[in-house]
Amino acid sequence: MSHPYQYAVLRFVPRVDRGECLNVGVVVHSQSAGVLRCAFHLDEPRIVAFAPDADLDGLRRALEAVRTMCEHPPADVGAALSTPGKRFGWITAPRSTVLQPGPVHGGSVLDPAAEVDHLLARLVT
């Protein structure tokens, strides 16, 4: 059975004013399959070449926070973020930080959980 899903690319934006970015991760949500997953890959030499002053530890912490919100949300997230769909909406909301979500795209696939790895390989690594 095919499941509809949505995904967004997570982008490293070292200078928000310039709008330049590198893809560093993906988030996938499928309500019908009960999936909300995040995967990321930091190509540190590429990031440093792109932004010599990049805070790699800070970027890694931000990505880990997204992964935690997807897969193991804190017990105190409250009603506003109580469902995977609400957390996906929060993760993909526009923001002006060094880690920004790209536009949300959709599709249909047999295994949305495995699609995370496929999208990571295709769009990030």
N, C-alpha and C. Protein backbone atom coordinates (compact mmCIF):
# COMPACT_ATOMS: atom_id res chain seq x y z
N MET A 1 0.84 -1.18 0.00
CA MET A 1 0.00 0.00 0.00
C MET A 1 0.89 1.24 0.00
N SER A 2 0.59 2.15 -0.88
CA SER A 2 1.35 3.39 -0.98
C SER A 2 0.84 4.41 0.04
N HIS A 3 1.75 5.15 0.62
CA HIS A 3 1.41 6.16 1.63
C HIS A 3 1.78 7.55 1.12
N PRO A 4 0.87 8.51 1.24
CA PRO A 4 1.26 9.89 0.95
C PRO A 4 2.21 10.38 2.03
N TYR A 5 3.12 11.24 1.63
CA TYR A 5 4.07 11.81 2.59
C TYR A 5 4.45 13.22 2.17
N GLN A 6 5.01 13.95 3.12
CA GLN A 6 5.56 15.28 2.86
C GLN A 6 7.00 15.28 3.35
N TYR A 7 7.81 16.10 2.71
CA TYR A 7 9.18 16.24 3.17
C TYR A 7 9.67 17.66 2.96
N ALA A 8 10.70 17.99 3.72
CA ALA A 8 11.39 19.27 3.56
C ALA A 8 12.88 19.03 3.73
N VAL A 9 13.65 19.76 2.97
CA VAL A 9 15.10 19.73 3.10
C VAL A 9 15.49 20.73 4.19
N LEU A 10 16.42 20.34 5.04
CA LEU A 10 16.96 21.25 6.05
C LEU A 10 18.23 21.88 5.48
N ARG A 11 18.32 23.19 5.57
CA ARG A 11 19.40 23.94 4.92
C ARG A 11 20.23 24.70 5.95
N PHE A 12 21.53 24.66 5.75
CA PHE A 12 22.46 25.46 6.54
C PHE A 12 22.59 26.80 5.82
N VAL A 13 22.24 27.88 6.52
CA VAL A 13 22.29 29.23 5.97
C VAL A 13 23.20 30.06 6.88
N PRO A 14 24.49 30.15 6.56
CA PRO A 14 25.42 30.83 7.47
C PRO A 14 25.17 32.32 7.60
N ARG A 15 24.70 32.96 6.51
CA ARG A 15 24.39 34.39 6.54
C ARG A 15 23.01 34.58 5.93
N VAL A 16 22.05 34.78 6.79
CA VAL A 16 20.67 34.91 6.36
C VAL A 16 20.52 36.03 5.33
N ASP A 17 21.28 37.12 5.49
CA ASP A 17 21.17 38.26 4.58
C ASP A 17 21.60 37.92 3.15
N ARG A 18 22.46 36.91 2.98
CA ARG A 18 22.91 36.54 1.63
C ARG A 18 22.01 35.48 0.99
N GLY A 19 21.33 34.69 1.81
CA GLY A 19 20.42 33.69 1.28
C GLY A 19 21.08 32.45 0.69
N GLU A 20 22.39 32.31 0.84
CA GLU A 20 23.09 31.14 0.33
C GLU A 20 22.93 29.98 1.32
N CYS A 21 22.85 28.76 0.79
CA CYS A 21 22.62 27.63 1.69
C CYS A 21 23.25 26.35 1.16
N LEU A 22 23.40 25.42 2.09
CA LEU A 22 23.81 24.05 1.77
C LEU A 22 22.78 23.11 2.38
N ASN A 23 22.37 22.11 1.63
CA ASN A 23 21.46 21.11 2.16
C ASN A 23 22.21 20.21 3.15
N VAL A 24 21.64 20.05 4.34
CA VAL A 24 22.29 19.24 5.37
C VAL A 24 21.40 18.15 5.94
N GLY A 25 20.11 18.14 5.63
CA GLY A 25 19.23 17.13 6.19
C GLY A 25 17.87 17.12 5.52
N VAL A 26 17.05 16.15 5.92
CA VAL A 26 15.68 16.05 5.43
C VAL A 26 14.77 15.63 6.59
N VAL A 27 13.51 16.02 6.49
CA VAL A 27 12.47 15.61 7.42
C VAL A 27 11.32 15.06 6.59
N VAL A 28 10.83 13.88 6.98
CA VAL A 28 9.73 13.23 6.27
C VAL A 28 8.58 12.97 7.25
N HIS A 29 7.37 13.28 6.80
CA HIS A 29 6.18 13.01 7.61
C HIS A 29 5.14 12.30 6.75
N SER A 30 4.60 11.20 7.27
CA SER A 30 3.48 10.51 6.64
C SER A 30 2.47 10.20 7.74
N GLN A 31 1.34 10.86 7.68
CA GLN A 31 0.32 10.63 8.69
C GLN A 31 -0.23 9.21 8.61
N SER A 32 -0.48 8.73 7.39
CA SER A 32 -1.08 7.40 7.24
C SER A 32 -0.16 6.28 7.69
N ALA A 33 1.16 6.50 7.59
CA ALA A 33 2.12 5.48 8.02
C ALA A 33 2.62 5.73 9.44
N GLY A 34 2.23 6.84 10.04
CA GLY A 34 2.69 7.16 11.39
C GLY A 34 4.18 7.45 11.46
N VAL A 35 4.69 8.13 10.45
CA VAL A 35 6.13 8.39 10.35
C VAL A 35 6.43 9.88 10.47
N LEU A 36 7.38 10.21 11.30
CA LEU A 36 8.01 11.53 11.34
C LEU A 36 9.47 11.27 11.63
N ARG A 37 10.30 11.40 10.60
CA ARG A 37 11.73 11.08 10.74
C ARG A 37 12.58 12.20 10.16
N CYS A 38 13.77 12.29 10.72
CA CYS A 38 14.77 13.26 10.27
C CYS A 38 16.08 12.52 10.08
N ALA A 39 16.82 12.90 9.06
CA ALA A 39 18.17 12.39 8.87
C ALA A 39 19.02 13.54 8.37
N PHE A 40 20.28 13.53 8.74
CA PHE A 40 21.17 14.60 8.29
C PHE A 40 22.58 14.08 8.07
N HIS A 41 23.33 14.85 7.30
CA HIS A 41 24.73 14.53 7.01
C HIS A 41 25.50 15.84 6.96
N LEU A 42 26.53 15.95 7.77
CA LEU A 42 27.37 17.15 7.76
C LEU A 42 28.68 16.83 7.07
N ASP A 43 28.86 17.37 5.88
CA ASP A 43 30.11 17.27 5.15
C ASP A 43 30.97 18.43 5.64
N GLU A 44 31.70 18.19 6.73
CA GLU A 44 32.40 19.28 7.41
C GLU A 44 33.38 20.04 6.52
N PRO A 45 34.21 19.37 5.70
CA PRO A 45 35.09 20.15 4.81
C PRO A 45 34.32 21.06 3.86
N ARG A 46 33.21 20.58 3.34
CA ARG A 46 32.40 21.40 2.43
C ARG A 46 31.78 22.58 3.17
N ILE A 47 31.29 22.33 4.37
CA ILE A 47 30.67 23.40 5.16
C ILE A 47 31.71 24.47 5.50
N VAL A 48 32.89 24.06 5.92
CA VAL A 48 33.95 25.02 6.28
C VAL A 48 34.42 25.78 5.04
N ALA A 49 34.49 25.12 3.89
CA ALA A 49 34.86 25.83 2.66
C ALA A 49 33.80 26.87 2.30
N PHE A 50 32.54 26.54 2.54
CA PHE A 50 31.42 27.42 2.24
C PHE A 50 31.33 28.56 3.24
N ALA A 51 31.58 28.25 4.52
CA ALA A 51 31.46 29.24 5.59
C ALA A 51 32.56 28.97 6.62
N PRO A 52 33.74 29.58 6.42
CA PRO A 52 34.89 29.29 7.30
C PRO A 52 34.62 29.50 8.78
N ASP A 53 33.71 30.38 9.14
CA ASP A 53 33.41 30.65 10.54
C ASP A 53 32.23 29.83 11.06
N ALA A 54 31.83 28.79 10.34
CA ALA A 54 30.66 28.01 10.72
C ALA A 54 30.84 27.38 12.10
N ASP A 55 29.79 27.43 12.88
CA ASP A 55 29.77 26.78 14.18
C ASP A 55 29.22 25.37 13.97
N LEU A 56 30.12 24.43 13.69
CA LEU A 56 29.70 23.06 13.39
C LEU A 56 29.01 22.40 14.57
N ASP A 57 29.50 22.66 15.78
CA ASP A 57 28.86 22.07 16.96
C ASP A 57 27.45 22.62 17.14
N GLY A 58 27.27 23.91 16.93
CA GLY A 58 25.95 24.51 17.04
C GLY A 58 25.00 23.98 15.98
N LEU A 59 25.50 23.81 14.76
CA LEU A 59 24.69 23.26 13.68
C LEU A 59 24.29 21.82 14.01
N ARG A 60 25.24 21.04 14.49
CA ARG A 60 24.96 19.65 14.87
C ARG A 60 23.91 19.59 15.99
N ARG A 61 24.02 20.47 16.97
CA ARG A 61 23.03 20.51 18.06
C ARG A 61 21.64 20.86 17.53
N ALA A 62 21.58 21.80 16.61
CA ALA A 62 20.29 22.19 16.04
C ALA A 62 19.66 21.02 15.27
N LEU A 63 20.48 20.30 14.52
CA LEU A 63 19.97 19.15 13.79
C LEU A 63 19.54 18.03 14.73
N GLU A 64 20.30 17.82 15.78
CA GLU A 64 19.92 16.80 16.78
C GLU A 64 18.62 17.19 17.46
N ALA A 65 18.40 18.47 17.69
CA ALA A 65 17.14 18.93 18.30
C ALA A 65 15.96 18.62 17.38
N VAL A 66 16.16 18.80 16.07
CA VAL A 66 15.10 18.47 15.12
C VAL A 66 14.84 16.96 15.16
N ARG A 67 15.91 16.17 15.16
CA ARG A 67 15.73 14.72 15.20
C ARG A 67 14.99 14.30 16.47
N THR A 68 15.36 14.90 17.60
CA THR A 68 14.69 14.59 18.86
C THR A 68 13.22 14.95 18.79
N MET A 69 12.90 16.10 18.23
CA MET A 69 11.50 16.53 18.13
C MET A 69 10.72 15.57 17.23
N CYS A 70 11.38 15.00 16.22
CA CYS A 70 10.71 14.05 15.33
C CYS A 70 10.49 12.70 16.01
N GLU A 71 11.55 12.15 16.56
CA GLU A 71 11.54 10.76 16.95
C GLU A 71 11.32 10.50 18.44
N HIS A 72 11.73 11.42 19.28
CA HIS A 72 11.59 11.24 20.73
C HIS A 72 11.26 12.56 21.39
N PRO A 73 10.10 13.14 21.08
CA PRO A 73 9.79 14.47 21.62
C PRO A 73 9.73 14.44 23.15
N PRO A 74 10.16 15.53 23.77
CA PRO A 74 10.07 15.61 25.22
C PRO A 74 8.62 15.47 25.68
N ALA A 75 8.44 14.95 26.87
CA ALA A 75 7.10 14.74 27.41
C ALA A 75 6.34 16.05 27.59
N ASP A 76 7.05 17.15 27.74
CA ASP A 76 6.40 18.43 28.03
C ASP A 76 6.19 19.31 26.79
N VAL A 77 6.09 18.71 25.59
CA VAL A 77 5.90 19.54 24.39
C VAL A 77 4.55 20.24 24.37
N GLY A 78 3.60 19.73 25.09
CA GLY A 78 2.31 20.39 25.18
C GLY A 78 1.40 20.06 24.02
N ALA A 79 0.18 20.54 24.11
CA ALA A 79 -0.85 20.24 23.11
C ALA A 79 -0.51 20.82 21.74
N ALA A 80 0.19 21.94 21.71
CA ALA A 80 0.50 22.59 20.44
C ALA A 80 1.38 21.72 19.55
N LEU A 81 2.18 20.84 20.16
CA LEU A 81 3.08 19.98 19.39
C LEU A 81 2.87 18.51 19.73
N SER A 82 1.65 18.16 20.08
CA SER A 82 1.38 16.82 20.59
C SER A 82 1.34 15.72 19.53
N THR A 83 1.14 16.07 18.27
CA THR A 83 1.07 15.05 17.22
C THR A 83 2.24 15.19 16.25
N PRO A 84 2.59 14.11 15.57
CA PRO A 84 3.66 14.21 14.57
C PRO A 84 3.38 15.28 13.51
N GLY A 85 2.12 15.40 13.07
CA GLY A 85 1.78 16.41 12.07
C GLY A 85 2.02 17.83 12.57
N LYS A 86 1.68 18.08 13.82
CA LYS A 86 1.91 19.41 14.40
C LYS A 86 3.41 19.68 14.53
N ARG A 87 4.17 18.65 14.92
CA ARG A 87 5.62 18.84 15.04
C ARG A 87 6.26 19.06 13.67
N PHE A 88 5.76 18.36 12.63
CA PHE A 88 6.26 18.59 11.28
C PHE A 88 5.98 20.02 10.86
N GLY A 89 4.80 20.52 11.15
CA GLY A 89 4.46 21.91 10.83
C GLY A 89 5.37 22.89 11.55
N TRP A 90 5.68 22.61 12.80
CA TRP A 90 6.58 23.49 13.56
C TRP A 90 7.99 23.45 12.98
N ILE A 91 8.47 22.24 12.65
CA ILE A 91 9.83 22.09 12.10
C ILE A 91 9.94 22.80 10.75
N THR A 92 8.90 22.74 9.94
CA THR A 92 8.97 23.31 8.59
C THR A 92 8.50 24.76 8.50
N ALA A 93 8.16 25.36 9.62
CA ALA A 93 7.77 26.77 9.61
C ALA A 93 8.97 27.64 9.24
N PRO A 94 8.76 28.67 8.40
CA PRO A 94 9.87 29.55 8.02
C PRO A 94 10.51 30.20 9.24
N ARG A 95 11.83 30.33 9.18
CA ARG A 95 12.55 31.00 10.26
C ARG A 95 13.84 31.60 9.71
N SER A 96 14.36 32.57 10.42
CA SER A 96 15.61 33.24 10.04
C SER A 96 16.71 32.83 10.99
N THR A 97 17.18 31.62 10.82
CA THR A 97 18.27 31.09 11.63
C THR A 97 19.26 30.39 10.71
N VAL A 98 20.34 29.86 11.26
CA VAL A 98 21.33 29.19 10.42
C VAL A 98 20.84 27.82 9.94
N LEU A 99 19.81 27.26 10.57
CA LEU A 99 19.19 26.02 10.08
C LEU A 99 17.76 26.34 9.69
N GLN A 100 17.48 26.25 8.39
CA GLN A 100 16.17 26.62 7.88
C GLN A 100 15.57 25.49 7.07
N PRO A 101 14.25 25.32 7.15
CA PRO A 101 13.59 24.34 6.29
C PRO A 101 13.36 24.92 4.91
N GLY A 102 13.48 24.07 3.91
CA GLY A 102 13.10 24.47 2.56
C GLY A 102 11.61 24.28 2.40
N PRO A 103 11.11 24.47 1.18
CA PRO A 103 9.69 24.28 0.93
C PRO A 103 9.27 22.84 1.19
N VAL A 104 8.01 22.66 1.55
CA VAL A 104 7.46 21.32 1.76
C VAL A 104 7.03 20.76 0.41
N HIS A 105 7.44 19.52 0.16
CA HIS A 105 7.07 18.81 -1.06
C HIS A 105 6.32 17.54 -0.66
N GLY A 106 5.60 16.95 -1.58
CA GLY A 106 4.85 15.75 -1.27
C GLY A 106 5.06 14.66 -2.29
N GLY A 107 4.61 13.49 -1.92
CA GLY A 107 4.70 12.35 -2.81
C GLY A 107 3.94 11.18 -2.22
N SER A 108 4.16 10.02 -2.81
CA SER A 108 3.54 8.79 -2.35
C SER A 108 4.57 7.69 -2.49
N VAL A 109 4.68 6.85 -1.47
CA VAL A 109 5.72 5.83 -1.46
C VAL A 109 5.27 4.66 -0.59
N LEU A 110 5.81 3.49 -0.85
CA LEU A 110 5.44 2.31 -0.06
C LEU A 110 5.95 2.39 1.37
N ASP A 111 7.16 2.91 1.57
CA ASP A 111 7.78 2.92 2.89
C ASP A 111 8.31 4.32 3.21
N PRO A 112 7.48 5.18 3.80
CA PRO A 112 7.92 6.54 4.11
C PRO A 112 9.13 6.59 5.05
N ALA A 113 9.24 5.63 5.97
CA ALA A 113 10.39 5.63 6.88
C ALA A 113 11.69 5.43 6.11
N ALA A 114 11.68 4.58 5.10
CA ALA A 114 12.87 4.36 4.28
C ALA A 114 13.13 5.52 3.32
N GLU A 115 12.10 6.27 3.00
CA GLU A 115 12.24 7.40 2.07
C GLU A 115 13.19 8.46 2.63
N VAL A 116 13.30 8.52 3.94
CA VAL A 116 14.22 9.48 4.56
C VAL A 116 15.63 9.25 4.05
N ASP A 117 16.07 7.99 4.07
CA ASP A 117 17.43 7.68 3.62
C ASP A 117 17.59 7.93 2.13
N HIS A 118 16.56 7.61 1.34
CA HIS A 118 16.60 7.85 -0.10
C HIS A 118 16.75 9.35 -0.39
N LEU A 119 15.93 10.16 0.28
CA LEU A 119 16.00 11.61 0.06
C LEU A 119 17.31 12.19 0.54
N LEU A 120 17.83 11.69 1.67
CA LEU A 120 19.12 12.16 2.16
C LEU A 120 20.21 11.91 1.12
N ALA A 121 20.24 10.71 0.57
CA ALA A 121 21.25 10.37 -0.43
C ALA A 121 21.09 11.20 -1.71
N ARG A 122 19.86 11.46 -2.10
CA ARG A 122 19.60 12.19 -3.34
C ARG A 122 19.78 13.70 -3.22
N LEU A 123 19.42 14.25 -2.06
CA LEU A 123 19.37 15.71 -1.93
C LEU A 123 20.47 16.32 -1.06
N VAL A 124 21.16 15.50 -0.28
CA VAL A 124 22.13 16.05 0.67
C VAL A 124 23.54 15.53 0.43
N THR A 125 23.72 14.23 0.38
CA THR A 125 25.08 13.69 0.29
C THR A 125 25.58 13.62 -1.13
